């Protein structure tokens, strides 16, 4: 996957495609709340930037004059980039981010246990990989 950065509007457009599946520009635009709905041409320009410049969307079919778009990257891939960008703000250090999550109440004990299991699983995989190489 290309290492891309999404603007807020691009991310909102991608959310629509991830949630609804294939959409036209008009359908994407109408997915925005009416009070915060960008102009059709703004959505159109942004969708074509996501298509041509970033490769984040693809054209899946054409109905009359309208192209129908779908996400070409997964929500997980975009999320990983967003998290990497967040960590970069803290010089790659995870402790300040974790502290904020704890203080805000957004990190639960269950989340910590799941993270611990994932870390242990990763450590076992790395350990068994080193044994095989020896």
C-alpha atoms as a PDB file:
ATOM      1  CA  UNK A   1       0.000   0.000   0.000  1.00  0.00           C
ATOM      2  CA  UNK A   2       1.230   3.474  -0.763  1.00  0.00           C
ATOM      3  CA  UNK A   3       2.099   5.488   2.314  1.00  0.00           C
ATOM      4  CA  UNK A   4      -0.407   8.292   1.979  1.00  0.00           C
ATOM      5  CA  UNK A   5      -1.734  11.068   4.116  1.00  0.00           C
ATOM      6  CA  UNK A   6      -5.441  11.901   4.051  1.00  0.00           C
ATOM      7  CA  UNK A   7      -6.923  15.322   4.774  1.00  0.00           C
ATOM      8  CA  UNK A   8     -10.022  15.570   6.961  1.00  0.00           C
ATOM      9  CA  UNK A   9     -12.319  15.819   3.912  1.00  0.00           C
ATOM     10  CA  UNK A  10     -10.535  12.934   2.187  1.00  0.00           C
ATOM     11  CA  UNK A  11     -10.924  10.821   5.308  1.00  0.00           C
ATOM     12  CA  UNK A  12     -14.645  11.680   5.491  1.00  0.00           C
ATOM     13  CA  UNK A  13     -15.069  10.652   1.847  1.00  0.00           C
ATOM     14  CA  UNK A  14     -13.222   7.404   2.515  1.00  0.00           C
ATOM     15  CA  UNK A  15     -15.477   6.769   5.541  1.00  0.00           C
ATOM     16  CA  UNK A  16     -18.488   7.030   3.228  1.00  0.00           C
ATOM     17  CA  UNK A  17     -16.970   4.535   0.800  1.00  0.00           C
ATOM     18  CA  UNK A  18     -15.981   2.131   3.592  1.00  0.00           C
ATOM     19  CA  UNK A  19     -19.438   2.309   5.166  1.00  0.00           C
ATOM     20  CA  UNK A  20     -21.656   2.401   2.086  1.00  0.00           C
ATOM     21  CA  UNK A  21     -19.545   0.654  -0.521  1.00  0.00           C
ATOM     22  CA  UNK A  22     -19.659   1.787  -4.136  1.00  0.00           C
ATOM     23  CA  UNK A  23     -20.908   5.376  -4.588  1.00  0.00           C
ATOM     24  CA  UNK A  24     -21.130   8.158  -7.150  1.00  0.00           C
ATOM     25  CA  UNK A  25     -19.828  11.633  -6.344  1.00  0.00           C
ATOM     26  CA  UNK A  26     -23.429  12.766  -5.745  1.00  0.00           C
ATOM     27  CA  UNK A  27     -24.037   9.893  -3.286  1.00  0.00           C
ATOM     28  CA  UNK A  28     -20.827  10.726  -1.438  1.00  0.00           C
ATOM     29  CA  UNK A  29     -21.800  14.398  -1.230  1.00  0.00           C
ATOM     30  CA  UNK A  30     -25.296  13.572   0.020  1.00  0.00           C
ATOM     31  CA  UNK A  31     -23.833  11.356   2.768  1.00  0.00           C
ATOM     32  CA  UNK A  32     -22.589  14.489   4.547  1.00  0.00           C
ATOM     33  CA  UNK A  33     -24.952  16.109   7.057  1.00  0.00           C
ATOM     34  CA  UNK A  34     -26.847  18.875   5.288  1.00  0.00           C
ATOM     35  CA  UNK A  35     -25.454  21.568   7.585  1.00  0.00           C
ATOM     36  CA  UNK A  36     -21.832  20.544   6.825  1.00  0.00           C
ATOM     37  CA  UNK A  37     -22.231  19.368   3.243  1.00  0.00           C
ATOM     38  CA  UNK A  38     -19.427  20.517   0.914  1.00  0.00           C
ATOM     39  CA  UNK A  39     -20.251  21.664  -2.597  1.00  0.00           C
ATOM     40  CA  UNK A  40     -20.601  18.977  -5.247  1.00  0.00           C
ATOM     41  CA  UNK A  41     -17.534  20.295  -7.106  1.00  0.00           C
ATOM     42  CA  UNK A  42     -15.457  20.188  -3.898  1.00  0.00           C
ATOM     43  CA  UNK A  43     -16.356  16.528  -3.357  1.00  0.00           C
ATOM     44  CA  UNK A  44     -15.756  15.771  -7.041  1.00  0.00           C
ATOM     45  CA  UNK A  45     -12.297  17.386  -7.025  1.00  0.00           C
ATOM     46  CA  UNK A  46     -11.357  15.594  -3.812  1.00  0.00           C
ATOM     47  CA  UNK A  47     -12.555  12.196  -5.084  1.00  0.00           C
ATOM     48  CA  UNK A  48     -10.473  12.604  -8.250  1.00  0.00           C
ATOM     49  CA  UNK A  49      -7.423  13.554  -6.149  1.00  0.00           C
ATOM     50  CA  UNK A  50      -7.977  10.374  -4.142  1.00  0.00           C
ATOM     51  CA  UNK A  51      -8.221   8.457  -7.429  1.00  0.00           C
ATOM     52  CA  UNK A  52      -5.429   9.952  -9.496  1.00  0.00           C
ATOM     53  CA  UNK A  53      -3.001  11.393  -6.967  1.00  0.00           C
ATOM     54  CA  UNK A  54      -3.254   9.000  -4.060  1.00  0.00           C
ATOM     55  CA  UNK A  55      -4.689   5.774  -5.435  1.00  0.00           C
ATOM     56  CA  UNK A  56      -7.054   5.538  -2.465  1.00  0.00           C
ATOM     57  CA  UNK A  57     -10.183   5.063  -4.598  1.00  0.00           C
ATOM     58  CA  UNK A  58     -10.885   3.292  -7.858  1.00  0.00           C
ATOM     59  CA  UNK A  59     -13.581   3.472 -10.493  1.00  0.00           C
ATOM     60  CA  UNK A  60     -15.620   0.274 -10.450  1.00  0.00           C
ATOM     61  CA  UNK A  61     -18.167   1.100 -13.159  1.00  0.00           C
ATOM     62  CA  UNK A  62     -19.773   3.844 -15.156  1.00  0.00           C
ATOM     63  CA  UNK A  63     -23.502   4.562 -15.272  1.00  0.00           C
ATOM     64  CA  UNK A  64     -24.331   7.077 -17.989  1.00  0.00           C
ATOM     65  CA  UNK A  65     -21.943   9.988 -17.385  1.00  0.00           C
ATOM     66  CA  UNK A  66     -21.312   9.101 -13.732  1.00  0.00           C
ATOM     67  CA  UNK A  67     -18.368   7.112 -12.454  1.00  0.00           C
ATOM     68  CA  UNK A  68     -19.005   4.831  -9.493  1.00  0.00           C
ATOM     69  CA  UNK A  69     -16.157   4.740  -6.974  1.00  0.00           C
ATOM     70  CA  UNK A  70     -14.999   2.276  -4.335  1.00  0.00           C
ATOM     71  CA  UNK A  71     -12.261   2.389  -1.720  1.00  0.00           C
ATOM     72  CA  UNK A  72      -8.939   1.021  -2.964  1.00  0.00           C
ATOM     73  CA  UNK A  73      -7.350   1.083   0.496  1.00  0.00           C
ATOM     74  CA  UNK A  74      -8.687  -0.412   3.688  1.00  0.00           C
ATOM     75  CA  UNK A  75      -9.765   1.480   6.781  1.00  0.00           C
ATOM     76  CA  UNK A  76      -6.979  -0.341   8.670  1.00  0.00           C
ATOM     77  CA  UNK A  77      -4.291   0.906   6.272  1.00  0.00           C
ATOM     78  CA  UNK A  78      -5.520   4.493   6.586  1.00  0.00           C
ATOM     79  CA  UNK A  79      -5.757   4.123  10.360  1.00  0.00           C
ATOM     80  CA  UNK A  80      -2.183   2.865  10.617  1.00  0.00           C
ATOM     81  CA  UNK A  81      -0.968   5.973   8.781  1.00  0.00           C
ATOM     82  CA  UNK A  82      -3.006   8.220  11.056  1.00  0.00           C
ATOM     83  CA  UNK A  83      -1.544   6.555  14.154  1.00  0.00           C
ATOM     84  CA  UNK A  84       1.976   6.791  12.728  1.00  0.00           C
ATOM     85  CA  UNK A  85       1.412  10.528  12.143  1.00  0.00           C
ATOM     86  CA  UNK A  86       0.149  10.946  15.715  1.00  0.00           C
ATOM     87  CA  UNK A  87       3.167   9.170  17.157  1.00  0.00           C
ATOM     88  CA  UNK A  88       5.449  11.323  14.992  1.00  0.00           C
ATOM     89  CA  UNK A  89       4.065  14.375  16.811  1.00  0.00           C
ATOM     90  CA  UNK A  90       5.496  12.863  19.996  1.00  0.00           C
ATOM     91  CA  UNK A  91       8.832  11.953  18.470  1.00  0.00           C
ATOM     92  CA  UNK A  92       7.780   8.328  18.121  1.00  0.00           C
ATOM     93  CA  UNK A  93       7.256   7.954  21.873  1.00  0.00           C
ATOM     94  CA  UNK A  94       4.167   6.013  22.847  1.00  0.00           C
ATOM     95  CA  UNK A  95       4.072   6.870  26.573  1.00  0.00           C
ATOM     96  CA  UNK A  96       2.564  10.381  26.184  1.00  0.00           C
ATOM     97  CA  UNK A  97      -0.139   8.989  23.897  1.00  0.00           C
ATOM     98  CA  UNK A  98      -0.909   6.142  26.290  1.00  0.00           C
ATOM     99  CA  UNK A  99      -0.976   8.553  29.251  1.00  0.00           C
ATOM    100  CA  UNK A 100      -3.507  10.764  27.452  1.00  0.00           C
ATOM    101  CA  UNK A 101      -5.690   7.759  26.633  1.00  0.00           C
ATOM    102  CA  UNK A 102      -5.603   6.647  30.275  1.00  0.00           C
ATOM    103  CA  UNK A 103      -6.304  10.144  31.665  1.00  0.00           C
ATOM    104  CA  UNK A 104      -9.211  10.668  29.280  1.00  0.00           C
ATOM    105  CA  UNK A 105     -10.747   7.334  30.257  1.00  0.00           C
ATOM    106  CA  UNK A 106     -10.569   6.064  26.686  1.00  0.00           C
ATOM    107  CA  UNK A 107      -8.132   3.246  27.497  1.00  0.00           C
ATOM    108  CA  UNK A 108      -9.741   0.482  29.527  1.00  0.00           C
ATOM    109  CA  UNK A 109      -8.220  -2.376  31.465  1.00  0.00           C
ATOM    110  CA  UNK A 110      -9.631  -4.712  28.820  1.00  0.00           C
ATOM    111  CA  UNK A 111      -7.794  -2.714  26.127  1.00  0.00           C
ATOM    112  CA  UNK A 112      -4.558  -3.086  28.100  1.00  0.00           C
ATOM    113  CA  UNK A 113      -5.078  -6.861  28.436  1.00  0.00           C
ATOM    114  CA  UNK A 114      -5.720  -7.182  24.694  1.00  0.00           C
ATOM    115  CA  UNK A 115      -2.580  -5.150  23.958  1.00  0.00           C
ATOM    116  CA  UNK A 116      -0.582  -7.329  26.338  1.00  0.00           C
ATOM    117  CA  UNK A 117      -1.788 -10.484  24.552  1.00  0.00           C
ATOM    118  CA  UNK A 118      -0.869  -8.982  21.169  1.00  0.00           C
ATOM    119  CA  UNK A 119       2.610  -8.045  22.439  1.00  0.00           C
ATOM    120  CA  UNK A 120       3.172 -11.540  23.846  1.00  0.00           C
ATOM    121  CA  UNK A 121       2.014 -13.116  20.580  1.00  0.00           C
ATOM    122  CA  UNK A 122       4.368 -10.872  18.590  1.00  0.00           C
ATOM    123  CA  UNK A 123       7.266 -11.709  20.935  1.00  0.00           C
ATOM    124  CA  UNK A 124       6.594 -15.458  20.553  1.00  0.00           C
ATOM    125  CA  UNK A 125       6.471 -15.122  16.765  1.00  0.00           C
ATOM    126  CA  UNK A 126       9.770 -13.228  16.725  1.00  0.00           C
ATOM    127  CA  UNK A 127      11.334 -15.728  19.115  1.00  0.00           C
ATOM    128  CA  UNK A 128      10.289 -18.755  17.059  1.00  0.00           C
ATOM    129  CA  UNK A 129      11.538 -17.025  13.895  1.00  0.00           C
ATOM    130  CA  UNK A 130      14.978 -16.542  15.426  1.00  0.00           C
ATOM    131  CA  UNK A 131      15.140 -20.210  16.520  1.00  0.00           C
ATOM    132  CA  UNK A 132      14.393 -21.371  12.964  1.00  0.00           C
ATOM    133  CA  UNK A 133      17.185 -19.191  11.556  1.00  0.00           C
ATOM    134  CA  UNK A 134      19.788 -20.606  13.954  1.00  0.00           C
END
